[in-house]
């Protein structure tokens, strides 16, 4: 399966019944109503969410993948994935899995942010995203690591550089770029939130060209698509990249901790 690691992880989660759809949450007594909140027609099982919901059906109809004709014959998610995998080549199955990930991402955007991604726009974006992924993968299968400068470097004269960092107190409270965040984030997640806050700050300030810089390599790689992640971090990275489109130039760079002392001190004092 040729797909980003986050997609492979998601497909594994689907086959392991690890995706928290309403039906699973109700079974665990975490939710009273398991109805699909998007269409209101029946339980939101994983198969319903990804394939049989009218919203999902529109996406598969637009995808040009020869798999929509099997919807009525299979309802078990693992059987479905195995059947599709047997009929598609590695690239097609990777595209299939990527669409599944984005359907789930779209579901969460609607649930938590009341943002509805239109099927045509989603499919168009995923097609372009996957083309770029394949082209990049074939051009350079071993990407070089981000090289951090040995000292803090000023940005070009027409750019604003936002150095960000996060600190975690003894009680687990995360402290980030924009102040105290009263949530039990781990340090890496706090760094990602700090990067998101820095990006939002730059957008709200109206700066056309910004560079966000931090000392957490995993977060910088995630923003630059060098490291694909699931869960909270993956969603944060996606939001940062969406915000980045508001700038005429948006860059992310890694620096050593000693070069980021001002941001680190600010985070500890927030």
Protein backbone atom coordinates (compact mmCIF):
# COMPACT_ATOMS: atom_id res chain seq x y z
CA UNK A 1 0.00 0.00 0.00
CA UNK A 2 1.63 3.23 -1.15
CA UNK A 3 0.27 5.87 1.20
CA UNK A 4 1.45 8.19 3.98
CA UNK A 5 2.06 6.46 7.32
CA UNK A 6 -0.96 8.20 8.87
CA UNK A 7 -3.17 6.54 6.24
CA UNK A 8 -1.66 3.09 6.83
CA UNK A 9 -2.15 3.56 10.56
CA UNK A 10 -5.76 4.60 10.00
CA UNK A 11 -6.50 1.56 7.83
CA UNK A 12 -4.98 -0.65 10.53
CA UNK A 13 -7.21 1.08 13.08
CA UNK A 14 -10.25 0.44 10.89
CA UNK A 15 -9.51 -3.28 10.65
CA UNK A 16 -8.90 -3.41 14.42
CA UNK A 17 -12.20 -1.66 15.29
CA UNK A 18 -10.18 1.09 16.95
CA UNK A 19 -11.90 4.06 15.28
CA UNK A 20 -14.31 5.82 17.71
CA UNK A 21 -17.49 5.97 15.62
CA UNK A 22 -20.78 6.53 17.47
CA UNK A 23 -21.72 2.85 17.35
CA UNK A 24 -18.52 1.85 19.16
CA UNK A 25 -18.88 4.68 21.68
CA UNK A 26 -22.42 3.58 22.52
CA UNK A 27 -21.27 -0.01 23.01
CA UNK A 28 -18.71 1.28 25.50
CA UNK A 29 -21.47 3.29 27.25
CA UNK A 30 -19.75 6.57 26.34
CA UNK A 31 -22.63 7.77 24.17
CA UNK A 32 -26.40 7.37 24.36
CA UNK A 33 -27.26 7.83 20.70
CA UNK A 34 -25.31 6.05 17.97
CA UNK A 35 -27.18 7.63 15.05
CA UNK A 36 -25.08 9.10 12.23
CA UNK A 37 -25.14 12.83 12.96
CA UNK A 38 -24.45 13.69 9.32
CA UNK A 39 -27.38 11.94 7.65
CA UNK A 40 -29.50 10.85 10.64
CA UNK A 41 -30.21 7.51 8.98
CA UNK A 42 -29.18 4.55 11.12
CA UNK A 43 -26.23 3.79 13.37
CA UNK A 44 -22.89 5.38 12.64
CA UNK A 45 -20.86 2.22 12.23
CA UNK A 46 -17.45 2.55 10.63
CA UNK A 47 -18.76 1.01 7.42
CA UNK A 48 -21.63 3.49 7.38
CA UNK A 49 -19.32 6.45 8.05
CA UNK A 50 -16.79 5.57 5.35
CA UNK A 51 -18.93 3.93 2.67
CA UNK A 52 -22.72 3.83 2.97
CA UNK A 53 -23.52 7.31 4.32
CA UNK A 54 -24.84 9.47 1.44
CA UNK A 55 -21.93 11.88 1.97
CA UNK A 56 -19.40 9.06 1.62
CA UNK A 57 -21.21 7.66 -1.41
CA UNK A 58 -20.84 11.01 -3.18
CA UNK A 59 -17.11 10.94 -2.54
CA UNK A 60 -16.68 7.41 -3.88
CA UNK A 61 -18.77 8.24 -6.94
CA UNK A 62 -16.41 11.15 -7.67
CA UNK A 63 -13.24 9.18 -6.91
CA UNK A 64 -13.12 7.19 -10.19
CA UNK A 65 -12.22 4.08 -8.19
CA UNK A 66 -13.98 0.87 -9.33
CA UNK A 67 -15.21 -0.06 -5.87
CA UNK A 68 -18.59 1.60 -5.29
CA UNK A 69 -20.46 -1.35 -6.85
CA UNK A 70 -19.49 -3.54 -3.86
CA UNK A 71 -21.19 -1.39 -1.22
CA UNK A 72 -24.38 -3.45 -1.06
CA UNK A 73 -22.64 -6.83 -0.81
CA UNK A 74 -20.31 -6.33 2.18
CA UNK A 75 -20.87 -4.75 5.58
CA UNK A 76 -17.87 -6.10 7.52
CA UNK A 77 -15.11 -3.49 7.38
CA UNK A 78 -12.13 -5.88 7.34
CA UNK A 79 -13.71 -8.02 4.61
CA UNK A 80 -14.39 -4.85 2.66
CA UNK A 81 -10.79 -3.64 2.85
CA UNK A 82 -9.48 -7.06 1.82
CA UNK A 83 -11.87 -7.20 -1.12
CA UNK A 84 -10.91 -3.75 -2.33
CA UNK A 85 -7.19 -4.50 -1.88
CA UNK A 86 -7.52 -7.60 -4.07
CA UNK A 87 -8.99 -5.51 -6.90
CA UNK A 88 -6.72 -2.46 -6.83
CA UNK A 89 -3.02 -2.02 -7.43
CA UNK A 90 -0.77 -0.57 -4.72
CA UNK A 91 -1.18 3.05 -5.85
CA UNK A 92 -4.96 2.75 -6.20
CA UNK A 93 -5.28 1.12 -2.80
CA UNK A 94 -3.16 3.90 -1.31
CA UNK A 95 -5.49 6.47 -2.88
CA UNK A 96 -8.46 4.49 -1.55
CA UNK A 97 -7.02 4.52 1.98
CA UNK A 98 -6.23 8.23 1.74
CA UNK A 99 -9.83 8.97 0.79
CA UNK A 100 -10.98 6.94 3.81
CA UNK A 101 -8.72 9.02 6.07
CA UNK A 102 -10.11 12.25 4.65
CA UNK A 103 -13.72 11.11 5.02
CA UNK A 104 -12.97 10.52 8.69
CA UNK A 105 -11.17 13.86 8.94
CA UNK A 106 -14.17 15.58 7.31
CA UNK A 107 -16.51 13.86 9.76
CA UNK A 108 -14.53 15.25 12.70
CA UNK A 109 -14.37 18.76 11.18
CA UNK A 110 -18.16 18.76 10.93
CA UNK A 111 -18.64 17.34 14.44
CA UNK A 112 -16.21 19.56 16.32
CA UNK A 113 -15.98 22.72 14.20
CA UNK A 114 -19.25 22.73 12.21
CA UNK A 115 -17.16 22.91 9.01
CA UNK A 116 -18.57 20.81 6.18
CA UNK A 117 -16.12 19.86 3.43
CA UNK A 118 -17.93 19.51 0.11
CA UNK A 119 -17.41 16.12 -1.59
CA UNK A 120 -16.13 17.54 -4.90
CA UNK A 121 -13.67 19.87 -3.16
CA UNK A 122 -12.46 17.06 -0.92
CA UNK A 123 -11.91 14.60 -3.78
CA UNK A 124 -10.15 17.24 -5.89
CA UNK A 125 -7.82 18.07 -3.00
CA UNK A 126 -7.09 14.42 -2.18
CA UNK A 127 -6.32 13.62 -5.82
CA UNK A 128 -3.77 16.44 -5.95
CA UNK A 129 -2.39 15.57 -2.52
CA UNK A 130 -1.88 11.94 -3.49
CA UNK A 131 -0.27 12.83 -6.84
CA UNK A 132 2.24 15.02 -4.99
CA UNK A 133 2.87 12.26 -2.44
CA UNK A 134 3.63 9.70 -5.15
CA UNK A 135 5.81 12.12 -7.12
CA UNK A 136 7.78 13.09 -4.01
CA UNK A 137 8.13 9.47 -2.95
CA UNK A 138 9.54 8.39 -6.31
CA UNK A 139 11.81 11.42 -6.64
CA UNK A 140 13.40 11.15 -3.23
CA UNK A 141 12.67 8.08 -1.14
CA UNK A 142 15.17 9.08 1.54
CA UNK A 143 14.43 12.65 2.50
CA UNK A 144 17.20 14.50 4.26
CA UNK A 145 16.53 15.51 7.83
CA UNK A 146 15.83 19.15 8.63
CA UNK A 147 19.19 20.77 9.27
CA UNK A 148 19.05 23.08 12.26
CA UNK A 149 21.34 26.12 12.28
CA UNK A 150 24.00 26.28 14.99
CA UNK A 151 22.76 29.71 16.13
CA UNK A 152 19.63 31.83 15.80
CA UNK A 153 19.44 33.42 12.37
CA UNK A 154 17.33 36.47 11.50
CA UNK A 155 14.69 36.08 8.78
CA UNK A 156 14.88 37.77 5.38
CA UNK A 157 13.98 41.46 5.55
CA UNK A 158 10.49 40.86 4.11
CA UNK A 159 9.61 38.01 6.52
CA UNK A 160 8.49 37.81 10.14
CA UNK A 161 9.98 34.98 12.21
CA UNK A 162 7.89 33.60 15.08
CA UNK A 163 9.90 31.47 17.47
CA UNK A 164 7.66 29.19 19.49
CA UNK A 165 8.07 26.67 22.28
CA UNK A 166 6.07 24.96 25.01
CA UNK A 167 6.76 23.79 28.53
CA UNK A 168 4.88 21.28 30.64
CA UNK A 169 4.50 21.84 34.36
CA UNK A 170 4.63 19.11 37.00
CA UNK A 171 0.84 18.76 37.06
CA UNK A 172 0.71 18.12 33.31
CA UNK A 173 -0.56 21.56 32.31
CA UNK A 174 0.78 22.56 28.92
CA UNK A 175 2.07 26.06 28.38
CA UNK A 176 2.43 27.26 24.82
CA UNK A 177 3.10 30.18 22.52
CA UNK A 178 -0.13 32.06 23.26
CA UNK A 179 -0.28 31.40 26.99
CA UNK A 180 -1.48 28.76 29.40
CA UNK A 181 -3.46 25.87 27.93
CA UNK A 182 -5.25 23.96 30.72
CA UNK A 183 -5.20 20.53 29.07
CA UNK A 184 -3.17 17.39 29.83
CA UNK A 185 -1.02 17.55 26.70
CA UNK A 186 2.27 15.74 26.45
CA UNK A 187 5.28 17.91 25.53
CA UNK A 188 5.19 17.08 21.80
CA UNK A 189 1.48 17.85 21.56
CA UNK A 190 2.04 21.10 23.45
CA UNK A 191 4.75 22.04 20.93
CA UNK A 192 2.31 21.37 18.07
CA UNK A 193 -0.34 23.56 19.73
CA UNK A 194 2.28 26.28 20.20
CA UNK A 195 3.04 26.11 16.47
CA UNK A 196 -0.68 26.38 15.70
CA UNK A 197 -1.03 29.39 18.00
CA UNK A 198 1.99 31.04 16.39
CA UNK A 199 0.52 30.50 12.92
CA UNK A 200 -2.86 31.90 13.99
CA UNK A 201 -1.11 34.88 15.54
CA UNK A 202 0.68 35.61 12.28
CA UNK A 203 -2.57 35.30 10.31
CA UNK A 204 -4.47 37.58 12.70
CA UNK A 205 -1.65 40.13 12.54
CA UNK A 206 -1.98 40.20 8.76
CA UNK A 207 1.67 39.45 8.05
CA UNK A 208 2.03 38.15 4.48
CA UNK A 209 5.27 36.18 4.95
CA UNK A 210 6.15 34.33 8.14
CA UNK A 211 8.56 31.69 9.39
CA UNK A 212 7.63 29.68 12.47
CA UNK A 213 10.64 28.21 14.20
CA UNK A 214 10.87 25.72 17.05
CA UNK A 215 13.17 23.17 18.62
CA UNK A 216 10.88 20.10 18.39
CA UNK A 217 12.03 18.29 15.25
CA UNK A 218 8.99 15.98 15.09
CA UNK A 219 6.61 18.94 15.02
CA UNK A 220 8.57 20.76 12.33
CA UNK A 221 8.74 17.57 10.25
CA UNK A 222 4.99 17.10 10.70
CA UNK A 223 4.27 20.61 9.45
CA UNK A 224 6.58 20.03 6.47
CA UNK A 225 4.96 16.65 5.68
CA UNK A 226 8.17 14.83 6.51
CA UNK A 227 6.39 12.94 9.28
CA UNK A 228 2.74 11.97 9.04
CA UNK A 229 0.86 11.49 12.29
CA UNK A 230 -2.58 10.47 13.45
CA UNK A 231 -4.86 11.68 16.21
CA UNK A 232 -4.49 15.12 17.75
CA UNK A 233 -1.12 15.87 16.17
CA UNK A 234 -2.28 14.98 12.67
CA UNK A 235 -5.31 17.27 12.94
CA UNK A 236 -3.16 20.09 14.34
CA UNK A 237 -0.69 19.74 11.46
CA UNK A 238 -3.53 19.82 8.93
CA UNK A 239 -4.93 23.01 10.49
CA UNK A 240 -1.49 24.66 10.48
CA UNK A 241 -1.08 23.83 6.79
CA UNK A 242 -4.55 25.15 5.98
CA UNK A 243 -3.77 28.40 7.81
CA UNK A 244 -0.45 28.55 5.98
CA UNK A 245 -2.30 28.98 2.70
CA UNK A 246 -3.37 32.46 3.89
CA UNK A 247 0.22 33.69 3.58
CA UNK A 248 2.09 34.53 0.41
CA UNK A 249 5.04 32.73 2.03
CA UNK A 250 4.80 30.28 4.93
CA UNK A 251 7.83 28.36 6.20
CA UNK A 252 8.69 26.21 9.20
CA UNK A 253 12.23 25.65 10.41
CA UNK A 254 13.97 23.73 13.17
CA UNK A 255 16.51 25.22 15.53
CA UNK A 256 18.48 23.97 18.52
CA UNK A 257 17.11 24.58 22.02
CA UNK A 258 19.89 27.04 22.87
CA UNK A 259 18.86 29.18 19.87
CA UNK A 260 15.24 29.19 21.06
CA UNK A 261 15.83 30.35 24.62
CA UNK A 262 13.62 33.45 24.39
CA UNK A 263 10.58 31.45 23.29
CA UNK A 264 11.32 28.73 25.84
CA UNK A 265 11.54 31.26 28.68
CA UNK A 266 8.30 32.89 27.58
CA UNK A 267 6.55 29.53 27.54
CA UNK A 268 7.73 28.71 31.07
CA UNK A 269 6.50 32.08 32.35
CA UNK A 270 3.09 31.93 30.62
